Amino acid sequence: MKSWRTRIAAGLAVGAAALTLPLTATAATAADQAHSSAGGSASTSDWGDPADPVAGKWVILGGGLYDSYESCMEYNKPEFYSGITEVQCVHDPSEKFPNNYTIYGR
């Protein structure tokens, strides 16, 4: 029978791998999209409209509460995000958060 120390170490290693793999895949997807926009195989017309991110290749960078579209765009510049050349704020209000914006990038 293995010791508890060995079992705990193995459990931590499996847990770390389970967390790392999805995070790595997400980063790789964003990097691939950034590469495509910098002259890869995808044309600019394939990127779609940020108001319809399912149709385009926009990735969600985050979200927040802003007073206006302009303040959202002022706070979220492309140079703040690695591999992102274009940022767009989309007003996404809800009953609880009427000033909510979702930030997309490509």
C-alpha atoms as a PDB file:
ATOM      1  CA  MET A   1       0.000   0.000   0.000  1.00  0.00           C
ATOM      2  CA  LYS A   2       1.339   3.429  -0.947  1.00  0.00           C
ATOM      3  CA  SER A   3       1.924   6.079   1.670  1.00  0.00           C
ATOM      4  CA  TRP A   4      -0.396   9.037   2.095  1.00  0.00           C
ATOM      5  CA  ARG A   5       2.403  11.376   1.073  1.00  0.00           C
ATOM      6  CA  THR A   6       2.677   9.597  -2.296  1.00  0.00           C
ATOM      7  CA  ARG A   7      -1.092   9.628  -2.793  1.00  0.00           C
ATOM      8  CA  ILE A   8      -1.331  13.344  -1.996  1.00  0.00           C
ATOM      9  CA  ALA A   9       1.559  14.176  -4.332  1.00  0.00           C
ATOM     10  CA  ALA A  10      -0.034  12.172  -7.152  1.00  0.00           C
ATOM     11  CA  GLY A  11      -3.412  13.847  -6.530  1.00  0.00           C
ATOM     12  CA  LEU A  12      -1.855  17.315  -6.665  1.00  0.00           C
ATOM     13  CA  ALA A  13      -0.045  16.471  -9.918  1.00  0.00           C
ATOM     14  CA  VAL A  14      -3.258  15.234 -11.538  1.00  0.00           C
ATOM     15  CA  GLY A  15      -5.160  18.306 -10.309  1.00  0.00           C
ATOM     16  CA  ALA A  16      -2.493  20.671 -11.651  1.00  0.00           C
ATOM     17  CA  ALA A  17      -2.547  18.934 -15.035  1.00  0.00           C
ATOM     18  CA  ALA A  18      -6.348  19.088 -15.163  1.00  0.00           C
ATOM     19  CA  LEU A  19      -6.203  22.844 -14.558  1.00  0.00           C
ATOM     20  CA  THR A  20      -3.233  23.567 -16.842  1.00  0.00           C
ATOM     21  CA  LEU A  21      -4.490  21.816 -19.978  1.00  0.00           C
ATOM     22  CA  PRO A  22      -7.659  23.920 -20.486  1.00  0.00           C
ATOM     23  CA  LEU A  23      -5.758  27.138 -19.726  1.00  0.00           C
ATOM     24  CA  THR A  24      -3.046  26.227 -22.225  1.00  0.00           C
ATOM     25  CA  ALA A  25      -5.613  25.378 -24.898  1.00  0.00           C
ATOM     26  CA  THR A  26      -7.333  28.754 -24.419  1.00  0.00           C
ATOM     27  CA  ALA A  27      -4.038  30.638 -24.691  1.00  0.00           C
ATOM     28  CA  ALA A  28      -3.091  28.673 -27.805  1.00  0.00           C
ATOM     29  CA  THR A  29      -6.443  29.482 -29.438  1.00  0.00           C
ATOM     30  CA  ALA A  30      -5.999  33.206 -28.757  1.00  0.00           C
ATOM     31  CA  ALA A  31      -2.436  33.059 -30.088  1.00  0.00           C
ATOM     32  CA  ASP A  32      -3.577  31.241 -33.239  1.00  0.00           C
ATOM     33  CA  GLN A  33      -6.244  33.872 -33.834  1.00  0.00           C
ATOM     34  CA  ALA A  34      -3.755  36.678 -33.265  1.00  0.00           C
ATOM     35  CA  HIS A  35      -1.374  34.983 -35.733  1.00  0.00           C
ATOM     36  CA  SER A  36      -4.131  34.714 -38.322  1.00  0.00           C
ATOM     37  CA  SER A  37      -4.955  38.408 -38.003  1.00  0.00           C
ATOM     38  CA  ALA A  38      -1.284  39.288 -38.436  1.00  0.00           C
ATOM     39  CA  GLY A  39      -1.117  37.770 -41.901  1.00  0.00           C
ATOM     40  CA  GLY A  40      -2.118  34.143 -41.437  1.00  0.00           C
ATOM     41  CA  SER A  41      -4.577  32.261 -43.586  1.00  0.00           C
ATOM     42  CA  ALA A  42      -7.770  33.939 -42.337  1.00  0.00           C
ATOM     43  CA  SER A  43      -8.915  37.019 -44.199  1.00  0.00           C
ATOM     44  CA  THR A  44     -10.189  40.066 -42.349  1.00  0.00           C
ATOM     45  CA  SER A  45     -13.702  39.492 -43.702  1.00  0.00           C
ATOM     46  CA  ASP A  46     -13.786  36.137 -41.857  1.00  0.00           C
ATOM     47  CA  TRP A  47     -13.593  37.869 -38.497  1.00  0.00           C
ATOM     48  CA  GLY A  48     -17.222  38.911 -38.458  1.00  0.00           C
ATOM     49  CA  ASP A  49     -19.012  41.444 -36.331  1.00  0.00           C
ATOM     50  CA  PRO A  50     -18.215  41.745 -32.583  1.00  0.00           C
ATOM     51  CA  ALA A  51     -21.931  42.190 -31.929  1.00  0.00           C
ATOM     52  CA  ASP A  52     -22.291  38.647 -33.309  1.00  0.00           C
ATOM     53  CA  PRO A  53     -19.137  36.954 -31.952  1.00  0.00           C
ATOM     54  CA  VAL A  54     -20.382  33.474 -32.801  1.00  0.00           C
ATOM     55  CA  ALA A  55     -20.187  34.307 -36.507  1.00  0.00           C
ATOM     56  CA  GLY A  56     -16.742  35.877 -36.255  1.00  0.00           C
ATOM     57  CA  LYS A  57     -13.421  35.017 -34.683  1.00  0.00           C
ATOM     58  CA  TRP A  58     -13.607  37.457 -31.806  1.00  0.00           C
ATOM     59  CA  VAL A  59     -12.554  36.196 -28.381  1.00  0.00           C
ATOM     60  CA  ILE A  60     -14.007  37.430 -25.118  1.00  0.00           C
ATOM     61  CA  LEU A  61     -11.390  39.359 -23.175  1.00  0.00           C
ATOM     62  CA  GLY A  62     -13.602  40.224 -20.230  1.00  0.00           C
ATOM     63  CA  GLY A  63     -16.355  42.537 -19.222  1.00  0.00           C
ATOM     64  CA  GLY A  64     -17.247  45.299 -16.856  1.00  0.00           C
ATOM     65  CA  LEU A  65     -19.531  48.120 -15.870  1.00  0.00           C
ATOM     66  CA  TYR A  66     -18.896  51.373 -17.740  1.00  0.00           C
ATOM     67  CA  ASP A  67     -20.794  54.643 -17.982  1.00  0.00           C
ATOM     68  CA  SER A  68     -20.659  54.624 -21.791  1.00  0.00           C
ATOM     69  CA  TYR A  69     -19.239  52.892 -24.849  1.00  0.00           C
ATOM     70  CA  GLU A  70     -16.536  55.548 -25.038  1.00  0.00           C
ATOM     71  CA  SER A  71     -15.376  54.945 -21.460  1.00  0.00           C
ATOM     72  CA  CYS A  72     -15.251  51.186 -22.121  1.00  0.00           C
ATOM     73  CA  MET A  73     -13.121  51.720 -25.240  1.00  0.00           C
ATOM     74  CA  GLU A  74     -10.879  54.209 -23.437  1.00  0.00           C
ATOM     75  CA  TYR A  75     -10.181  51.747 -20.633  1.00  0.00           C
ATOM     76  CA  ASN A  76      -9.666  48.699 -22.917  1.00  0.00           C
ATOM     77  CA  LYS A  77      -6.981  49.418 -25.481  1.00  0.00           C
ATOM     78  CA  PRO A  78      -5.526  46.664 -27.719  1.00  0.00           C
ATOM     79  CA  GLU A  79      -2.010  47.185 -26.366  1.00  0.00           C
ATOM     80  CA  PHE A  80      -3.229  46.075 -22.911  1.00  0.00           C
ATOM     81  CA  TYR A  81      -3.779  42.534 -24.260  1.00  0.00           C
ATOM     82  CA  SER A  82      -1.079  40.214 -25.568  1.00  0.00           C
ATOM     83  CA  GLY A  83      -1.590  39.228 -29.215  1.00  0.00           C
ATOM     84  CA  ILE A  84      -4.668  41.435 -29.663  1.00  0.00           C
ATOM     85  CA  THR A  85      -4.735  44.145 -32.331  1.00  0.00           C
ATOM     86  CA  GLU A  86      -8.372  45.212 -32.152  1.00  0.00           C
ATOM     87  CA  VAL A  87     -10.769  45.616 -29.223  1.00  0.00           C
ATOM     88  CA  GLN A  88     -14.513  46.172 -29.280  1.00  0.00           C
ATOM     89  CA  CYS A  89     -16.937  46.848 -26.435  1.00  0.00           C
ATOM     90  CA  VAL A  90     -20.474  45.510 -26.832  1.00  0.00           C
ATOM     91  CA  HIS A  91     -23.258  46.801 -24.594  1.00  0.00           C
ATOM     92  CA  ASP A  92     -24.694  43.731 -22.882  1.00  0.00           C
ATOM     93  CA  PRO A  93     -27.215  45.029 -20.315  1.00  0.00           C
ATOM     94  CA  SER A  94     -29.111  42.903 -17.862  1.00  0.00           C
ATOM     95  CA  GLU A  95     -31.772  43.729 -15.314  1.00  0.00           C
ATOM     96  CA  LYS A  96     -29.217  43.748 -12.508  1.00  0.00           C
ATOM     97  CA  PHE A  97     -26.373  45.407 -14.479  1.00  0.00           C
ATOM     98  CA  PRO A  98     -27.745  47.911 -17.032  1.00  0.00           C
ATOM     99  CA  ASN A  99     -24.252  49.342 -17.757  1.00  0.00           C
ATOM    100  CA  ASN A 100     -22.585  45.989 -18.488  1.00  0.00           C
ATOM    101  CA  TYR A 101     -20.221  45.744 -21.465  1.00  0.00           C
ATOM    102  CA  THR A 102     -18.524  42.647 -22.848  1.00  0.00           C
ATOM    103  CA  ILE A 103     -15.029  43.251 -24.259  1.00  0.00           C
ATOM    104  CA  TYR A 104     -14.053  41.320 -27.399  1.00  0.00           C
ATOM    105  CA  GLY A 105     -10.690  41.216 -29.119  1.00  0.00           C
ATOM    106  CA  ARG A 106      -8.977  39.784 -32.153  1.00  0.00           C
END
